[in-house]
């Protein structure tokens, strides 16, 4: 009876360690799609480093160009080919603040188009919620609302970076996540964005 108990304990131990090993050795492939809010401070590499500190291995690719919205990426066609020809676990899409109706429509409708490509290729679509410029800070609630709606309507993962920024600003009265131009992120702001992205992507294995 004791020997049987020892065997069961050993099997459970091996099983638990196998699961842990599989989680730690899997490499997650992530495609970032966006504009200068993504490539400033090389956010994808900051995400890689943040994940590595949590024993999560990821590799990133980036398609990001100045002032691009999702409609621009869709019309160019490069993102679709990238998703179709490579195996990604996550596709993270980002455009400008999108607080106004036109930006909201693009975020939702072109998010839907990219989501269809993702589903066909076993990738999960994610919305990177950004922030407004300091000049249009009063639109922050609209930015948050529209990104939440876009993620919900497209059954996508929401990466609520902008919401975390606003919470920090409201409680600390510090605006140091912004760079000197009042729109692009400072290094500190990008580091916070990386933390939020990793946290919300990998909740299930941490």
N, C-alpha and C. Protein backbone atom coordinates (compact mmCIF):
# COMPACT_ATOMS: atom_id res chain seq x y z
N UNK A 1 0.83 -1.21 0.00
CA UNK A 1 0.00 0.00 0.00
C UNK A 1 0.86 1.26 0.00
N UNK A 2 1.94 1.21 0.82
CA UNK A 2 2.84 2.35 0.87
C UNK A 2 3.53 2.57 -0.47
N UNK A 3 3.91 1.44 -1.10
CA UNK A 3 4.59 1.56 -2.39
C UNK A 3 3.68 2.15 -3.45
N UNK A 4 2.39 1.77 -3.40
CA UNK A 4 1.42 2.33 -4.35
C UNK A 4 1.26 3.82 -4.13
N UNK A 5 1.21 4.22 -2.87
CA UNK A 5 1.09 5.63 -2.54
C UNK A 5 2.29 6.43 -3.03
N UNK A 6 3.48 5.84 -2.88
CA UNK A 6 4.70 6.50 -3.35
C UNK A 6 4.69 6.67 -4.86
N UNK A 7 4.20 5.63 -5.55
CA UNK A 7 4.13 5.69 -7.02
C UNK A 7 3.19 6.81 -7.46
N UNK A 8 2.02 6.90 -6.78
CA UNK A 8 1.06 7.96 -7.12
C UNK A 8 1.64 9.35 -6.89
N UNK A 9 2.33 9.51 -5.75
CA UNK A 9 2.96 10.80 -5.46
C UNK A 9 4.00 11.15 -6.52
N UNK A 10 4.78 10.14 -6.93
CA UNK A 10 5.81 10.36 -7.96
C UNK A 10 5.19 10.76 -9.28
N UNK A 11 4.08 10.09 -9.65
CA UNK A 11 3.41 10.42 -10.91
C UNK A 11 2.86 11.84 -10.89
N UNK A 12 2.27 12.24 -9.76
CA UNK A 12 1.76 13.61 -9.63
C UNK A 12 2.88 14.61 -9.74
N UNK A 13 4.01 14.33 -9.10
CA UNK A 13 5.17 15.22 -9.14
C UNK A 13 5.68 15.38 -10.57
N UNK A 14 5.78 14.26 -11.28
CA UNK A 14 6.26 14.30 -12.68
C UNK A 14 5.30 15.09 -13.55
N UNK A 15 3.99 14.85 -13.34
CA UNK A 15 2.97 15.55 -14.13
C UNK A 15 3.03 17.05 -13.92
N UNK A 16 3.13 17.49 -12.65
CA UNK A 16 3.19 18.92 -12.33
C UNK A 16 4.42 19.57 -12.94
N UNK A 17 5.53 18.90 -12.86
CA UNK A 17 6.77 19.46 -13.40
C UNK A 17 6.77 19.48 -14.90
N UNK A 18 6.07 18.52 -15.53
CA UNK A 18 5.96 18.52 -16.99
C UNK A 18 5.16 19.73 -17.45
N UNK A 19 4.05 20.02 -16.77
CA UNK A 19 3.24 21.19 -17.12
C UNK A 19 4.04 22.46 -16.96
N UNK A 20 4.79 22.56 -15.85
CA UNK A 20 5.58 23.74 -15.58
C UNK A 20 6.66 23.92 -16.64
N UNK A 21 7.28 22.83 -17.02
CA UNK A 21 8.34 22.89 -18.03
C UNK A 21 7.78 23.31 -19.37
N UNK A 22 6.60 22.77 -19.73
CA UNK A 22 6.00 23.13 -21.02
C UNK A 22 5.68 24.61 -21.07
N UNK A 23 5.18 25.17 -19.96
CA UNK A 23 4.86 26.60 -19.93
C UNK A 23 6.11 27.45 -20.08
N UNK A 24 7.19 27.04 -19.40
CA UNK A 24 8.39 27.87 -19.38
C UNK A 24 9.18 27.77 -20.68
N UNK A 25 9.02 26.67 -21.42
CA UNK A 25 9.83 26.49 -22.62
C UNK A 25 9.09 26.89 -23.89
N UNK A 26 7.79 27.08 -23.83
CA UNK A 26 7.05 27.49 -25.02
C UNK A 26 7.47 28.90 -25.42
N UNK A 27 7.64 29.10 -26.71
CA UNK A 27 7.93 30.43 -27.23
C UNK A 27 6.66 30.98 -27.88
N UNK A 28 6.24 32.14 -27.42
CA UNK A 28 5.05 32.79 -27.96
C UNK A 28 5.47 33.80 -29.03
N UNK A 29 4.84 33.71 -30.18
CA UNK A 29 5.13 34.62 -31.28
C UNK A 29 4.07 35.71 -31.35
N UNK A 30 4.53 36.95 -31.33
CA UNK A 30 3.61 38.09 -31.28
C UNK A 30 3.92 39.06 -32.42
N UNK A 31 2.87 39.46 -33.12
CA UNK A 31 3.00 40.49 -34.17
C UNK A 31 2.39 41.78 -33.65
N UNK A 32 3.17 42.85 -33.65
CA UNK A 32 2.68 44.18 -33.31
C UNK A 32 2.36 44.94 -34.60
N UNK A 33 1.18 45.51 -34.65
CA UNK A 33 0.74 46.29 -35.81
C UNK A 33 0.32 47.67 -35.30
N UNK A 34 0.95 48.72 -35.80
CA UNK A 34 0.58 50.03 -35.29
C UNK A 34 1.32 51.17 -35.93
N UNK A 35 1.63 52.18 -35.11
CA UNK A 35 2.32 53.36 -35.60
C UNK A 35 3.40 53.78 -34.60
N UNK A 36 3.68 55.06 -34.52
CA UNK A 36 4.80 55.52 -33.69
C UNK A 36 4.56 55.30 -32.20
N UNK A 37 3.31 55.13 -31.77
CA UNK A 37 3.06 54.85 -30.37
C UNK A 37 3.53 53.45 -29.99
N UNK A 38 3.69 52.60 -31.02
CA UNK A 38 4.24 51.25 -30.81
C UNK A 38 5.75 51.23 -30.97
N UNK A 39 6.27 51.89 -32.00
CA UNK A 39 7.72 51.75 -32.23
C UNK A 39 8.57 52.72 -31.41
N UNK A 40 7.98 53.77 -30.82
CA UNK A 40 8.75 54.64 -29.94
C UNK A 40 9.26 53.84 -28.74
N UNK A 41 10.53 54.00 -28.45
CA UNK A 41 11.21 53.26 -27.36
C UNK A 41 11.25 51.75 -27.60
N UNK A 42 10.93 51.34 -28.84
CA UNK A 42 10.92 49.91 -29.20
C UNK A 42 10.10 49.10 -28.20
N UNK A 43 8.83 49.43 -28.10
CA UNK A 43 7.93 48.76 -27.17
C UNK A 43 7.96 47.24 -27.30
N UNK A 44 7.94 46.67 -28.52
CA UNK A 44 7.97 45.20 -28.61
C UNK A 44 9.16 44.56 -27.89
N UNK A 45 10.32 45.19 -27.97
CA UNK A 45 11.49 44.64 -27.26
C UNK A 45 11.34 44.79 -25.75
N UNK A 46 10.70 45.87 -25.31
CA UNK A 46 10.43 46.04 -23.88
C UNK A 46 9.46 44.95 -23.40
N UNK A 47 8.52 44.58 -24.25
CA UNK A 47 7.60 43.50 -23.92
C UNK A 47 8.36 42.18 -23.80
N UNK A 48 9.27 41.93 -24.72
CA UNK A 48 10.09 40.71 -24.65
C UNK A 48 10.85 40.66 -23.32
N UNK A 49 11.48 41.76 -22.95
CA UNK A 49 12.28 41.80 -21.73
C UNK A 49 11.41 41.64 -20.48
N UNK A 50 10.24 42.26 -20.49
CA UNK A 50 9.32 42.15 -19.36
C UNK A 50 8.85 40.72 -19.19
N UNK A 51 8.53 40.08 -20.30
CA UNK A 51 8.10 38.68 -20.25
C UNK A 51 9.23 37.76 -19.78
N UNK A 52 10.42 38.02 -20.26
CA UNK A 52 11.57 37.20 -19.88
C UNK A 52 11.79 37.22 -18.37
N UNK A 53 11.57 38.37 -17.75
CA UNK A 53 11.72 38.49 -16.29
C UNK A 53 10.71 37.63 -15.55
N UNK A 54 9.64 37.23 -16.24
CA UNK A 54 8.62 36.37 -15.65
C UNK A 54 8.75 34.93 -16.16
N UNK A 55 9.91 34.62 -16.76
CA UNK A 55 10.18 33.28 -17.31
C UNK A 55 9.22 32.92 -18.44
N UNK A 56 8.82 33.92 -19.20
CA UNK A 56 7.99 33.70 -20.39
C UNK A 56 8.82 34.10 -21.60
N UNK A 57 8.92 33.20 -22.57
CA UNK A 57 9.72 33.46 -23.76
C UNK A 57 8.83 33.89 -24.91
N UNK A 58 9.09 35.05 -25.44
CA UNK A 58 8.33 35.49 -26.61
C UNK A 58 9.29 36.05 -27.66
N UNK A 59 8.82 35.99 -28.91
CA UNK A 59 9.52 36.63 -30.02
C UNK A 59 8.52 37.56 -30.70
N UNK A 60 8.99 38.74 -31.05
CA UNK A 60 8.08 39.73 -31.64
C UNK A 60 8.52 40.13 -33.04
N UNK A 61 7.54 40.47 -33.85
CA UNK A 61 7.74 41.13 -35.13
C UNK A 61 6.89 42.38 -35.11
N UNK A 62 7.31 43.40 -35.83
CA UNK A 62 6.60 44.67 -35.80
C UNK A 62 6.37 45.21 -37.21
N UNK A 63 5.14 45.61 -37.46
CA UNK A 63 4.81 46.38 -38.66
C UNK A 63 4.16 47.67 -38.18
N UNK A 64 4.93 48.73 -38.14
CA UNK A 64 4.45 49.99 -37.59
C UNK A 64 5.05 51.15 -38.39
N UNK A 65 4.19 52.05 -38.81
CA UNK A 65 4.62 53.18 -39.63
C UNK A 65 3.98 54.47 -39.10
N UNK A 66 4.62 55.61 -39.31
CA UNK A 66 4.12 56.88 -38.76
C UNK A 66 2.69 57.18 -39.21
N UNK A 67 1.86 57.55 -38.24
CA UNK A 67 0.49 58.01 -38.50
C UNK A 67 -0.44 56.95 -39.09
N UNK A 68 -0.05 55.70 -39.08
CA UNK A 68 -0.89 54.66 -39.66
C UNK A 68 -2.04 54.30 -38.72
N UNK A 69 -3.23 54.12 -39.32
CA UNK A 69 -4.38 53.55 -38.63
C UNK A 69 -4.60 52.14 -39.19
N UNK A 70 -5.54 51.41 -38.63
CA UNK A 70 -5.77 50.04 -39.10
C UNK A 70 -6.21 50.01 -40.57
N UNK A 71 -6.94 51.03 -41.00
CA UNK A 71 -7.37 51.09 -42.40
C UNK A 71 -6.16 51.18 -43.34
N UNK A 72 -5.13 51.91 -42.92
CA UNK A 72 -3.93 52.04 -43.74
C UNK A 72 -3.18 50.71 -43.84
N UNK A 73 -3.06 50.03 -42.73
CA UNK A 73 -2.41 48.71 -42.75
C UNK A 73 -3.21 47.73 -43.60
N UNK A 74 -4.53 47.79 -43.49
CA UNK A 74 -5.35 46.87 -44.27
C UNK A 74 -5.19 47.13 -45.76
N UNK A 75 -5.25 48.39 -46.15
CA UNK A 75 -5.14 48.74 -47.57
C UNK A 75 -3.76 48.40 -48.13
N UNK A 76 -2.74 48.48 -47.31
CA UNK A 76 -1.39 48.13 -47.76
C UNK A 76 -1.24 46.63 -47.97
N UNK A 77 -1.87 45.84 -47.13
CA UNK A 77 -1.89 44.38 -47.32
C UNK A 77 -0.74 43.60 -46.71
N UNK A 78 0.25 44.27 -46.18
CA UNK A 78 1.43 43.57 -45.65
C UNK A 78 1.10 42.76 -44.41
N UNK A 79 0.24 43.29 -43.55
CA UNK A 79 -0.10 42.60 -42.31
C UNK A 79 -0.82 41.28 -42.60
N UNK A 80 -1.77 41.32 -43.53
CA UNK A 80 -2.50 40.10 -43.86
C UNK A 80 -1.55 38.99 -44.32
N UNK A 81 -0.60 39.34 -45.18
CA UNK A 81 0.36 38.35 -45.67
C UNK A 81 1.23 37.81 -44.54
N UNK A 82 1.61 38.70 -43.62
CA UNK A 82 2.44 38.29 -42.49
C UNK A 82 1.69 37.29 -41.61
N UNK A 83 0.45 37.55 -41.34
CA UNK A 83 -0.35 36.64 -40.49
C UNK A 83 -0.57 35.30 -41.20
N UNK A 84 -0.78 35.36 -42.49
CA UNK A 84 -1.08 34.14 -43.25
C UNK A 84 0.14 33.26 -43.49
N UNK A 85 1.32 33.86 -43.50
CA UNK A 85 2.51 33.07 -43.84
C UNK A 85 3.36 32.67 -42.63
N UNK A 86 3.05 33.24 -41.47
CA UNK A 86 3.80 32.89 -40.26
C UNK A 86 2.83 32.52 -39.14
N UNK A 87 3.31 31.78 -38.19
CA UNK A 87 2.45 31.30 -37.11
C UNK A 87 2.58 32.20 -35.89
N UNK A 88 1.56 33.01 -35.66
CA UNK A 88 1.55 33.91 -34.52
C UNK A 88 0.54 33.44 -33.48
N UNK A 89 0.89 33.61 -32.22
CA UNK A 89 -0.05 33.33 -31.14
C UNK A 89 -0.95 34.54 -30.89
N UNK A 90 -0.35 35.73 -30.98
CA UNK A 90 -1.09 36.96 -30.74
C UNK A 90 -0.76 37.99 -31.81
N UNK A 91 -1.78 38.74 -32.22
CA UNK A 91 -1.60 39.89 -33.10
C UNK A 91 -2.13 41.10 -32.35
N UNK A 92 -1.24 42.04 -32.02
CA UNK A 92 -1.61 43.21 -31.23
C UNK A 92 -1.74 44.41 -32.16
N UNK A 93 -2.96 44.94 -32.28
CA UNK A 93 -3.19 46.06 -33.19
C UNK A 93 -3.35 47.35 -32.41
N UNK A 94 -2.85 48.42 -33.01
CA UNK A 94 -2.86 49.74 -32.37
C UNK A 94 -3.02 50.82 -33.41
N UNK A 95 -3.87 51.81 -33.11
CA UNK A 95 -3.92 53.02 -33.93
C UNK A 95 -3.98 54.21 -32.98
N UNK A 96 -4.33 55.38 -33.51
CA UNK A 96 -4.37 56.57 -32.67
C UNK A 96 -5.45 56.48 -31.60
N UNK A 97 -5.66 57.54 -30.83
CA UNK A 97 -6.57 57.49 -29.69
C UNK A 97 -7.98 56.98 -30.01
N UNK A 98 -8.51 57.36 -31.18
CA UNK A 98 -9.82 56.84 -31.64
C UNK A 98 -10.98 57.24 -30.74
N UNK A 99 -10.90 58.44 -30.19
CA UNK A 99 -11.99 58.90 -29.31
C UNK A 99 -13.19 59.40 -30.10
N UNK A 100 -12.96 59.83 -31.35
CA UNK A 100 -14.03 60.36 -32.18
C UNK A 100 -14.69 59.25 -32.99
N UNK A 101 -15.85 59.55 -33.55
CA UNK A 101 -16.67 58.52 -34.21
C UNK A 101 -15.94 57.84 -35.37
N UNK A 102 -15.24 58.62 -36.20
CA UNK A 102 -14.56 58.03 -37.36
C UNK A 102 -13.47 57.06 -36.91
N UNK A 103 -12.67 57.48 -35.92
CA UNK A 103 -11.63 56.60 -35.41
C UNK A 103 -12.21 55.35 -34.79
N UNK A 104 -13.32 55.51 -34.08
CA UNK A 104 -13.99 54.36 -33.47
C UNK A 104 -14.44 53.37 -34.54
N UNK A 105 -15.04 53.86 -35.61
CA UNK A 105 -15.51 52.99 -36.69
C UNK A 105 -14.37 52.20 -37.31
N UNK A 106 -13.24 52.88 -37.54
CA UNK A 106 -12.08 52.18 -38.11
C UNK A 106 -11.56 51.12 -37.14
N UNK A 107 -11.47 51.49 -35.88
CA UNK A 107 -10.98 50.56 -34.86
C UNK A 107 -11.83 49.29 -34.82
N UNK A 108 -13.14 49.46 -34.83
CA UNK A 108 -14.05 48.31 -34.75
C UNK A 108 -14.10 47.54 -36.05
N UNK A 109 -14.35 48.24 -37.15
CA UNK A 109 -14.60 47.56 -38.43
C UNK A 109 -13.35 46.94 -39.03
N UNK A 110 -12.23 47.64 -38.95
CA UNK A 110 -11.00 47.04 -39.49
C UNK A 110 -10.40 46.06 -38.48
N UNK A 111 -10.70 46.26 -37.20
CA UNK A 111 -10.36 45.23 -36.23
C UNK A 111 -11.08 43.93 -36.57
N UNK A 112 -12.33 44.04 -36.99
CA UNK A 112 -13.11 42.86 -37.39
C UNK A 112 -12.47 42.15 -38.58
N UNK A 113 -11.98 42.92 -39.54
CA UNK A 113 -11.34 42.30 -40.71
C UNK A 113 -10.05 41.58 -40.31
N UNK A 114 -9.27 42.22 -39.48
CA UNK A 114 -8.03 41.57 -39.04
C UNK A 114 -8.34 40.37 -38.15
N UNK A 115 -9.41 40.46 -37.38
CA UNK A 115 -9.79 39.34 -36.53
C UNK A 115 -10.13 38.10 -37.34
N UNK A 116 -10.78 38.30 -38.49
CA UNK A 116 -11.12 37.17 -39.35
C UNK A 116 -9.86 36.48 -39.86
N UNK A 117 -8.85 37.27 -40.24
CA UNK A 117 -7.57 36.70 -40.69
C UNK A 117 -6.90 35.95 -39.54
N UNK A 118 -6.95 36.53 -38.36
CA UNK A 118 -6.34 35.90 -37.18
C UNK A 118 -6.99 34.55 -36.90
N UNK A 119 -8.30 34.50 -36.92
CA UNK A 119 -9.01 33.25 -36.62
C UNK A 119 -8.68 32.17 -37.64
N UNK A 120 -8.56 32.56 -38.88
CA UNK A 120 -8.22 31.60 -39.92
C UNK A 120 -6.82 31.00 -39.71
N UNK A 121 -5.98 31.72 -38.98
CA UNK A 121 -4.60 31.30 -38.80
C UNK A 121 -4.23 31.04 -37.33
N UNK A 122 -5.27 30.77 -36.53
CA UNK A 122 -5.09 30.36 -35.13
C UNK A 122 -4.32 31.39 -34.29
N UNK A 123 -4.55 32.65 -34.56
CA UNK A 123 -3.94 33.72 -33.77
C UNK A 123 -5.05 34.45 -33.00
N UNK A 124 -4.69 35.04 -31.88
CA UNK A 124 -5.63 35.80 -31.06
C UNK A 124 -5.41 37.29 -31.27
N UNK A 125 -6.48 37.99 -31.67
CA UNK A 125 -6.38 39.43 -31.85
C UNK A 125 -6.41 40.13 -30.50
N UNK A 126 -5.60 41.18 -30.38
CA UNK A 126 -5.54 41.98 -29.15
C UNK A 126 -5.58 43.46 -29.53
N UNK A 127 -6.31 44.25 -28.76
CA UNK A 127 -6.35 45.70 -28.97
C UNK A 127 -5.47 46.39 -27.93
N UNK A 128 -4.48 47.12 -28.41
CA UNK A 128 -3.61 47.93 -27.56
C UNK A 128 -4.27 49.29 -27.37
N UNK A 129 -4.86 49.48 -26.20
CA UNK A 129 -5.51 50.75 -25.88
C UNK A 129 -4.43 51.80 -25.61
N UNK A 130 -4.46 52.88 -26.37
CA UNK A 130 -3.47 53.94 -26.18
C UNK A 130 -4.07 55.09 -25.36
N UNK A 131 -3.73 56.30 -25.67
CA UNK A 131 -4.08 57.48 -24.85
C UNK A 131 -4.17 58.70 -25.77
N UNK A 132 -4.85 59.74 -25.35
CA UNK A 132 -4.88 60.96 -26.17
C UNK A 132 -3.65 61.83 -25.87
N UNK A 133 -3.42 62.81 -26.69
CA UNK A 133 -2.38 63.79 -26.39
C UNK A 133 -2.83 64.64 -25.22
N UNK A 134 -1.88 65.32 -24.60
CA UNK A 134 -2.23 66.19 -23.48
C UNK A 134 -3.19 67.30 -23.91
N UNK A 135 -3.06 67.73 -25.15
CA UNK A 135 -3.94 68.77 -25.68
C UNK A 135 -5.40 68.32 -25.65
N UNK A 136 -5.62 67.04 -25.89
CA UNK A 136 -6.98 66.48 -25.93
C UNK A 136 -7.23 65.53 -24.76
N UNK A 137 -6.63 65.84 -23.64
CA UNK A 137 -6.75 64.97 -22.47
C UNK A 137 -8.21 64.73 -22.08
N UNK A 138 -9.06 65.70 -22.33
CA UNK A 138 -10.48 65.58 -21.95
C UNK A 138 -11.20 64.46 -22.70
N UNK A 139 -10.57 63.94 -23.77
CA UNK A 139 -11.19 62.85 -24.54
C UNK A 139 -10.80 61.47 -24.02
N UNK A 140 -10.04 61.42 -22.92
CA UNK A 140 -9.49 60.16 -22.42
C UNK A 140 -10.59 59.12 -22.18
N UNK A 141 -11.71 59.53 -21.58
CA UNK A 141 -12.79 58.58 -21.30
C UNK A 141 -13.33 57.97 -22.60
N UNK A 142 -13.37 58.77 -23.66
CA UNK A 142 -13.81 58.27 -24.96
C UNK A 142 -12.85 57.25 -25.54
N UNK A 143 -11.55 57.49 -25.35
CA UNK A 143 -10.54 56.54 -25.80
C UNK A 143 -10.75 55.19 -25.12
N UNK A 144 -10.92 55.23 -23.82
CA UNK A 144 -11.10 54.00 -23.04
C UNK A 144 -12.37 53.27 -23.47
N UNK A 145 -13.46 54.01 -23.56
CA UNK A 145 -14.76 53.43 -23.93
C UNK A 145 -14.71 52.77 -25.30
N UNK A 146 -14.14 53.45 -26.28
CA UNK A 146 -14.14 52.92 -27.65
C UNK A 146 -13.25 51.70 -27.80
N UNK A 147 -12.11 51.67 -27.09
CA UNK A 147 -11.26 50.48 -27.16
C UNK A 147 -11.92 49.29 -26.46
N UNK A 148 -12.60 49.56 -25.36
CA UNK A 148 -13.31 48.48 -24.67
C UNK A 148 -14.40 47.89 -25.56
N UNK A 149 -15.12 48.77 -26.24
CA UNK A 149 -16.18 48.31 -27.14
C UNK A 149 -15.62 47.53 -28.31
N UNK A 150 -14.53 48.01 -28.90
CA UNK A 150 -13.91 47.32 -30.04
C UNK A 150 -13.47 45.92 -29.65
N UNK A 151 -12.85 45.78 -28.48
CA UNK A 151 -12.39 44.47 -28.02
C UNK A 151 -13.57 43.53 -27.77
N UNK A 152 -14.62 44.06 -27.14
CA UNK A 152 -15.80 43.24 -26.84
C UNK A 152 -16.50 42.77 -28.11
N UNK A 153 -16.70 43.68 -29.05
CA UNK A 153 -17.41 43.33 -30.29
C UNK A 153 -16.63 42.33 -31.13
N UNK A 154 -15.31 42.35 -31.01
CA UNK A 154 -14.48 41.46 -31.81
C UNK A 154 -13.97 40.24 -31.03
N UNK A 155 -14.48 40.07 -29.81
CA UNK A 155 -14.06 38.94 -28.97
C UNK A 155 -12.53 38.88 -28.90
N UNK A 156 -11.93 40.03 -28.67
CA UNK A 156 -10.47 40.16 -28.65
C UNK A 156 -9.99 40.45 -27.23
N UNK A 157 -8.70 40.27 -27.02
CA UNK A 157 -8.09 40.60 -25.74
C UNK A 157 -7.86 42.11 -25.68
N UNK A 158 -8.27 42.73 -24.60
CA UNK A 158 -8.02 44.16 -24.40
C UNK A 158 -6.75 44.33 -23.58
N UNK A 159 -5.85 45.17 -24.06
CA UNK A 159 -4.62 45.51 -23.35
C UNK A 159 -4.78 46.96 -22.90
N UNK A 160 -5.32 47.20 -21.70
CA UNK A 160 -5.78 48.53 -21.29
C UNK A 160 -4.67 49.46 -20.80
N UNK A 161 -3.70 49.71 -21.67
CA UNK A 161 -2.58 50.56 -21.29
C UNK A 161 -3.06 51.98 -20.98
N UNK A 162 -3.88 52.55 -21.86
CA UNK A 162 -4.37 53.90 -21.65
C UNK A 162 -5.12 54.05 -20.33
N UNK A 163 -5.90 53.04 -19.99
CA UNK A 163 -6.65 53.08 -18.73
C UNK A 163 -5.70 53.10 -17.53
N UNK A 164 -4.62 52.31 -17.62
CA UNK A 164 -3.63 52.30 -16.54
C UNK A 164 -2.91 53.64 -16.45
N UNK A 165 -2.63 54.24 -17.60
CA UNK A 165 -2.01 55.57 -17.61
C UNK A 165 -2.92 56.57 -16.90
N UNK A 166 -4.20 56.59 -17.26
CA UNK A 166 -5.12 57.57 -16.69
C UNK A 166 -5.25 57.39 -15.17
N UNK A 167 -5.30 56.14 -14.73
CA UNK A 167 -5.39 55.88 -13.30
C UNK A 167 -4.17 56.43 -12.57
N UNK A 168 -3.01 56.24 -13.18
CA UNK A 168 -1.76 56.76 -12.59
C UNK A 168 -1.79 58.29 -12.55
N UNK A 169 -2.21 58.91 -13.64
CA UNK A 169 -2.26 60.37 -13.69
C UNK A 169 -3.23 60.92 -12.64
N UNK A 170 -4.39 60.29 -12.53
CA UNK A 170 -5.43 60.78 -11.62
C UNK A 170 -5.02 60.66 -10.16
N UNK A 171 -4.24 59.64 -9.85
CA UNK A 171 -3.86 59.42 -8.44
C UNK A 171 -2.56 60.12 -8.06
N UNK A 172 -1.64 60.23 -9.01
CA UNK A 172 -0.32 60.81 -8.70
C UNK A 172 -0.19 62.27 -9.10
N UNK A 173 -1.04 62.70 -10.04
CA UNK A 173 -0.95 64.04 -10.63
C UNK A 173 0.39 64.26 -11.32
N UNK A 174 1.02 63.16 -11.72
CA UNK A 174 2.26 63.21 -12.50
C UNK A 174 1.94 62.81 -13.93
N UNK A 175 2.60 63.45 -14.90
CA UNK A 175 2.35 63.16 -16.31
C UNK A 175 3.60 62.62 -17.00
N UNK A 176 4.45 61.95 -16.22
CA UNK A 176 5.75 61.55 -16.74
C UNK A 176 5.71 60.34 -17.66
N UNK A 177 4.53 59.77 -17.92
CA UNK A 177 4.44 58.72 -18.94
C UNK A 177 4.48 59.33 -20.35
N UNK A 178 4.21 60.64 -20.43
CA UNK A 178 4.30 61.34 -21.71
C UNK A 178 5.73 61.83 -21.92
N UNK A 179 6.14 61.88 -23.18
CA UNK A 179 7.42 62.51 -23.52
C UNK A 179 7.23 64.01 -23.64
N UNK A 180 8.25 64.71 -24.02
CA UNK A 180 8.19 66.18 -24.06
C UNK A 180 7.22 66.71 -25.10
N UNK A 181 6.85 65.89 -26.10
CA UNK A 181 5.90 66.38 -27.11
C UNK A 181 4.45 66.27 -26.66
N UNK A 182 4.21 65.72 -25.46
CA UNK A 182 2.86 65.64 -24.93
C UNK A 182 1.97 64.61 -25.61
N UNK A 183 2.56 63.68 -26.34
CA UNK A 183 1.76 62.63 -26.99
C UNK A 183 2.47 61.28 -26.97
N UNK A 184 3.68 61.24 -27.50
CA UNK A 184 4.41 59.97 -27.51
C UNK A 184 4.84 59.59 -26.10
N UNK A 185 5.06 58.30 -25.87
CA UNK A 185 5.42 57.87 -24.52
C UNK A 185 6.88 58.17 -24.19
N UNK A 186 7.12 58.51 -22.94
CA UNK A 186 8.49 58.53 -22.44
C UNK A 186 8.92 57.07 -22.28
N UNK A 187 10.19 56.85 -21.97
CA UNK A 187 10.64 55.48 -21.72
C UNK A 187 9.85 54.88 -20.57
N UNK A 188 9.62 55.65 -19.53
CA UNK A 188 8.84 55.18 -18.39
C UNK A 188 7.43 54.78 -18.82
N UNK A 189 6.85 55.58 -19.70
CA UNK A 189 5.51 55.27 -20.20
C UNK A 189 5.48 53.99 -21.01
N UNK A 190 6.50 53.78 -21.84
CA UNK A 190 6.57 52.55 -22.63
C UNK A 190 6.82 51.34 -21.75
N UNK A 191 7.62 51.51 -20.71
CA UNK A 191 7.86 50.41 -19.77
C UNK A 191 6.58 50.00 -19.08
N UNK A 192 5.76 51.00 -18.70
CA UNK A 192 4.47 50.69 -18.09
C UNK A 192 3.57 49.98 -19.08
N UNK A 193 3.60 50.43 -20.33
CA UNK A 193 2.81 49.77 -21.37
C UNK A 193 3.21 48.31 -21.51
N UNK A 194 4.50 48.04 -21.49
CA UNK A 194 4.99 46.67 -21.60
C UNK A 194 4.50 45.81 -20.44
N UNK A 195 4.52 46.37 -19.24
CA UNK A 195 4.04 45.64 -18.06
C UNK A 195 2.57 45.25 -18.22
N UNK A 196 1.76 46.21 -18.66
CA UNK A 196 0.33 45.96 -18.81
C UNK A 196 0.07 44.92 -19.89
N UNK A 197 0.79 45.01 -20.99
CA UNK A 197 0.62 44.07 -22.10
C UNK A 197 0.94 42.65 -21.65
N UNK A 198 2.08 42.47 -21.00
CA UNK A 198 2.47 41.14 -20.54
C UNK A 198 1.47 40.61 -19.50
N UNK A 199 1.07 41.47 -18.59
CA UNK A 199 0.12 41.07 -17.54
C UNK A 199 -1.18 40.54 -18.13
N UNK A 200 -1.72 41.24 -19.12
CA UNK A 200 -3.01 40.86 -19.66
C UNK A 200 -2.94 39.75 -20.71
N UNK A 201 -1.80 39.57 -21.33
CA UNK A 201 -1.64 38.47 -22.28
C UNK A 201 -1.48 37.14 -21.57
N UNK A 202 -0.79 37.15 -20.44
CA UNK A 202 -0.38 35.89 -19.84
C UNK A 202 -0.96 35.65 -18.45
N UNK A 203 -2.13 36.16 -18.21
CA UNK A 203 -2.80 35.92 -16.92
C UNK A 203 -2.95 34.43 -16.62
N UNK A 204 -3.26 33.67 -17.64
CA UNK A 204 -3.61 32.25 -17.45
C UNK A 204 -2.43 31.39 -17.01
N UNK A 205 -1.19 31.85 -17.28
CA UNK A 205 -0.05 30.98 -16.93
C UNK A 205 0.80 31.58 -15.83
N UNK A 206 0.31 32.62 -15.18
CA UNK A 206 1.07 33.24 -14.09
C UNK A 206 0.24 33.26 -12.81
